[in-house]
Amino acid sequence: MPSPDPTPSQNSAPTEDATAAHEAAVRRAGEALQTYTLSAEGWRQSPSETLQRLLTDLRHWCDDTQRDFDRAVTGSRTLHSTERDTAAEELAAREPAAEPAAGGTTGRNEA
């Protein structure tokens, strides 16, 4: 039976992973901003204009990503529904049809 109290090394792994992921994201954002800043267009604009352009481009990227995600979710819902309906039909086909009780009674005490 596993011990109820995880060791410190078990606790630190998710935190280290999250920290590494955060640092990687910050590094990528810094590289993107530096790319904009060092571009010819970036040199012609003020830092705030460059940042505004970067944020606008990121919003366009987010819109595209959201559209792709929405399409994938819609497709997965359709597939799930189809698979669920197919499984229900297969299950119904395997079960014998319910037959009425002998003598045509409903199973109730009729007087």
C-alpha atoms as a PDB file:
ATOM      1  CA  MET A   1       0.000   0.000   0.000  1.00  0.00           C
ATOM      2  CA  PRO A   2       1.480   3.418  -0.937  1.00  0.00           C
ATOM      3  CA  SER A   3       2.343   5.762   1.851  1.00  0.00           C
ATOM      4  CA  PRO A   4      -0.210   8.544   2.387  1.00  0.00           C
ATOM      5  CA  ASP A   5       2.473  11.207   2.716  1.00  0.00           C
ATOM      6  CA  PRO A   6       4.456  11.691  -0.518  1.00  0.00           C
ATOM      7  CA  THR A   7       8.132  12.337  -0.155  1.00  0.00           C
ATOM      8  CA  PRO A   8       9.410  15.859  -0.836  1.00  0.00           C
ATOM      9  CA  SER A   9      10.832  14.751  -4.176  1.00  0.00           C
ATOM     10  CA  GLN A  10       7.349  13.636  -5.292  1.00  0.00           C
ATOM     11  CA  ASN A  11       5.908  17.018  -4.319  1.00  0.00           C
ATOM     12  CA  SER A  12       8.616  19.077  -5.975  1.00  0.00           C
ATOM     13  CA  ALA A  13       8.360  17.536  -9.463  1.00  0.00           C
ATOM     14  CA  PRO A  14       5.051  19.188 -10.466  1.00  0.00           C
ATOM     15  CA  THR A  15       6.247  22.523  -9.073  1.00  0.00           C
ATOM     16  CA  GLU A  16       9.530  22.254 -10.961  1.00  0.00           C
ATOM     17  CA  ASP A  17       7.658  21.318 -14.159  1.00  0.00           C
ATOM     18  CA  ALA A  18       5.322  24.293 -13.765  1.00  0.00           C
ATOM     19  CA  THR A  19       8.223  26.623 -13.060  1.00  0.00           C
ATOM     20  CA  ALA A  20      10.150  25.350 -16.080  1.00  0.00           C
ATOM     21  CA  ALA A  21       7.076  25.734 -18.306  1.00  0.00           C
ATOM     22  CA  HIS A  22       6.517  29.270 -17.020  1.00  0.00           C
ATOM     23  CA  GLU A  23      10.141  30.218 -17.584  1.00  0.00           C
ATOM     24  CA  ALA A  24      10.023  28.774 -21.121  1.00  0.00           C
ATOM     25  CA  ALA A  25       6.882  30.789 -21.876  1.00  0.00           C
ATOM     26  CA  VAL A  26       8.476  33.984 -20.562  1.00  0.00           C
ATOM     27  CA  ARG A  27      11.590  33.283 -22.641  1.00  0.00           C
ATOM     28  CA  ARG A  28       9.486  32.750 -25.807  1.00  0.00           C
ATOM     29  CA  ALA A  29       7.543  35.960 -25.160  1.00  0.00           C
ATOM     30  CA  GLY A  30      10.798  37.844 -24.660  1.00  0.00           C
ATOM     31  CA  GLU A  31      12.185  36.430 -27.904  1.00  0.00           C
ATOM     32  CA  ALA A  32       9.011  37.421 -29.781  1.00  0.00           C
ATOM     33  CA  LEU A  33       9.159  40.954 -28.394  1.00  0.00           C
ATOM     34  CA  GLN A  34      12.855  41.184 -29.247  1.00  0.00           C
ATOM     35  CA  THR A  35      12.117  40.013 -32.801  1.00  0.00           C
ATOM     36  CA  TYR A  36       9.535  42.772 -33.191  1.00  0.00           C
ATOM     37  CA  THR A  37      11.812  45.342 -31.605  1.00  0.00           C
ATOM     38  CA  LEU A  38      14.782  44.446 -33.784  1.00  0.00           C
ATOM     39  CA  SER A  39      12.769  44.302 -37.013  1.00  0.00           C
ATOM     40  CA  ALA A  40      12.847  47.200 -39.466  1.00  0.00           C
ATOM     41  CA  GLU A  41       9.247  48.002 -38.573  1.00  0.00           C
ATOM     42  CA  GLY A  42      10.114  47.852 -34.871  1.00  0.00           C
ATOM     43  CA  TRP A  43      12.881  50.408 -35.327  1.00  0.00           C
ATOM     44  CA  ARG A  44      10.439  52.853 -36.947  1.00  0.00           C
ATOM     45  CA  GLN A  45       7.932  52.583 -34.100  1.00  0.00           C
ATOM     46  CA  SER A  46       8.023  53.543 -30.469  1.00  0.00           C
ATOM     47  CA  PRO A  47       8.238  50.752 -27.884  1.00  0.00           C
ATOM     48  CA  SER A  48       4.555  51.177 -27.034  1.00  0.00           C
ATOM     49  CA  GLU A  49       3.576  50.930 -30.720  1.00  0.00           C
ATOM     50  CA  THR A  50       5.714  47.811 -31.057  1.00  0.00           C
ATOM     51  CA  LEU A  51       4.105  46.268 -27.990  1.00  0.00           C
ATOM     52  CA  GLN A  52       0.648  47.196 -29.263  1.00  0.00           C
ATOM     53  CA  ARG A  53       1.425  45.519 -32.614  1.00  0.00           C
ATOM     54  CA  LEU A  54       2.747  42.420 -30.841  1.00  0.00           C
ATOM     55  CA  LEU A  55      -0.356  42.165 -28.653  1.00  0.00           C
ATOM     56  CA  THR A  56      -2.622  42.644 -31.672  1.00  0.00           C
ATOM     57  CA  ASP A  57      -0.824  39.864 -33.520  1.00  0.00           C
ATOM     58  CA  LEU A  58      -1.101  37.621 -30.469  1.00  0.00           C
ATOM     59  CA  ARG A  59      -4.853  38.270 -30.359  1.00  0.00           C
ATOM     60  CA  HIS A  60      -5.117  37.262 -34.024  1.00  0.00           C
ATOM     61  CA  TRP A  61      -3.195  34.093 -33.201  1.00  0.00           C
ATOM     62  CA  CYS A  62      -5.520  33.423 -30.239  1.00  0.00           C
ATOM     63  CA  ASP A  63      -8.563  33.869 -32.495  1.00  0.00           C
ATOM     64  CA  ASP A  64      -7.154  31.371 -34.993  1.00  0.00           C
ATOM     65  CA  THR A  65      -6.277  28.915 -32.254  1.00  0.00           C
ATOM     66  CA  GLN A  66      -9.741  29.242 -30.691  1.00  0.00           C
ATOM     67  CA  ARG A  67     -11.392  28.606 -34.075  1.00  0.00           C
ATOM     68  CA  ASP A  68      -9.250  25.490 -34.562  1.00  0.00           C
ATOM     69  CA  PHE A  69     -10.075  24.317 -31.043  1.00  0.00           C
ATOM     70  CA  ASP A  70     -13.811  24.936 -31.554  1.00  0.00           C
ATOM     71  CA  ARG A  71     -13.710  22.906 -34.794  1.00  0.00           C
ATOM     72  CA  ALA A  72     -11.923  20.061 -33.027  1.00  0.00           C
ATOM     73  CA  VAL A  73     -14.420  20.075 -30.140  1.00  0.00           C
ATOM     74  CA  THR A  74     -17.366  20.066 -32.553  1.00  0.00           C
ATOM     75  CA  GLY A  75     -15.830  17.162 -34.464  1.00  0.00           C
ATOM     76  CA  SER A  76     -15.176  15.225 -31.272  1.00  0.00           C
ATOM     77  CA  ARG A  77     -18.768  15.784 -30.088  1.00  0.00           C
ATOM     78  CA  THR A  78     -20.114  14.491 -33.394  1.00  0.00           C
ATOM     79  CA  LEU A  79     -17.843  11.444 -33.292  1.00  0.00           C
ATOM     80  CA  HIS A  80     -18.734  10.757 -29.652  1.00  0.00           C
ATOM     81  CA  SER A  81     -22.450  10.995 -30.408  1.00  0.00           C
ATOM     82  CA  THR A  82     -22.109   8.662 -33.390  1.00  0.00           C
ATOM     83  CA  GLU A  83     -20.106   6.125 -31.387  1.00  0.00           C
ATOM     84  CA  ARG A  84     -22.537   6.316 -28.463  1.00  0.00           C
ATOM     85  CA  ASP A  85     -25.559   5.809 -30.750  1.00  0.00           C
ATOM     86  CA  THR A  86     -23.860   2.926 -32.564  1.00  0.00           C
ATOM     87  CA  ALA A  87     -22.979   1.245 -29.260  1.00  0.00           C
ATOM     88  CA  ALA A  88     -26.573   1.648 -28.023  1.00  0.00           C
ATOM     89  CA  GLU A  89     -27.941   0.150 -31.236  1.00  0.00           C
ATOM     90  CA  GLU A  90     -25.541  -2.795 -31.015  1.00  0.00           C
ATOM     91  CA  LEU A  91     -26.502  -3.388 -27.395  1.00  0.00           C
ATOM     92  CA  ALA A  92     -30.218  -3.250 -28.227  1.00  0.00           C
ATOM     93  CA  ALA A  93     -29.720  -5.711 -31.092  1.00  0.00           C
ATOM     94  CA  ARG A  94     -28.021  -8.203 -28.737  1.00  0.00           C
ATOM     95  CA  GLU A  95     -30.741  -8.088 -26.059  1.00  0.00           C
ATOM     96  CA  PRO A  96     -33.734 -10.357 -26.645  1.00  0.00           C
ATOM     97  CA  ALA A  97     -37.045  -8.579 -27.090  1.00  0.00           C
ATOM     98  CA  ALA A  98     -39.218  -8.591 -23.983  1.00  0.00           C
ATOM     99  CA  GLU A  99     -42.068 -11.085 -24.363  1.00  0.00           C
ATOM    100  CA  PRO A 100     -45.471 -10.669 -22.699  1.00  0.00           C
ATOM    101  CA  ALA A 101     -46.248 -13.008 -19.808  1.00  0.00           C
ATOM    102  CA  ALA A 102     -48.058 -16.248 -20.644  1.00  0.00           C
ATOM    103  CA  GLY A 103     -51.852 -16.027 -20.778  1.00  0.00           C
ATOM    104  CA  GLY A 104     -51.825 -12.384 -21.827  1.00  0.00           C
ATOM    105  CA  THR A 105     -51.779 -11.047 -18.267  1.00  0.00           C
ATOM    106  CA  THR A 106     -50.003  -7.901 -17.352  1.00  0.00           C
ATOM    107  CA  GLY A 107     -48.446  -9.364 -14.257  1.00  0.00           C
ATOM    108  CA  ARG A 108     -50.773  -7.414 -11.977  1.00  0.00           C
ATOM    109  CA  ASN A 109     -53.170  -9.018  -9.550  1.00  0.00           C
ATOM    110  CA  GLU A 110     -56.404  -8.662 -11.410  1.00  0.00           C
ATOM    111  CA  ALA A 111     -59.631  -9.480  -9.606  1.00  0.00           C
END
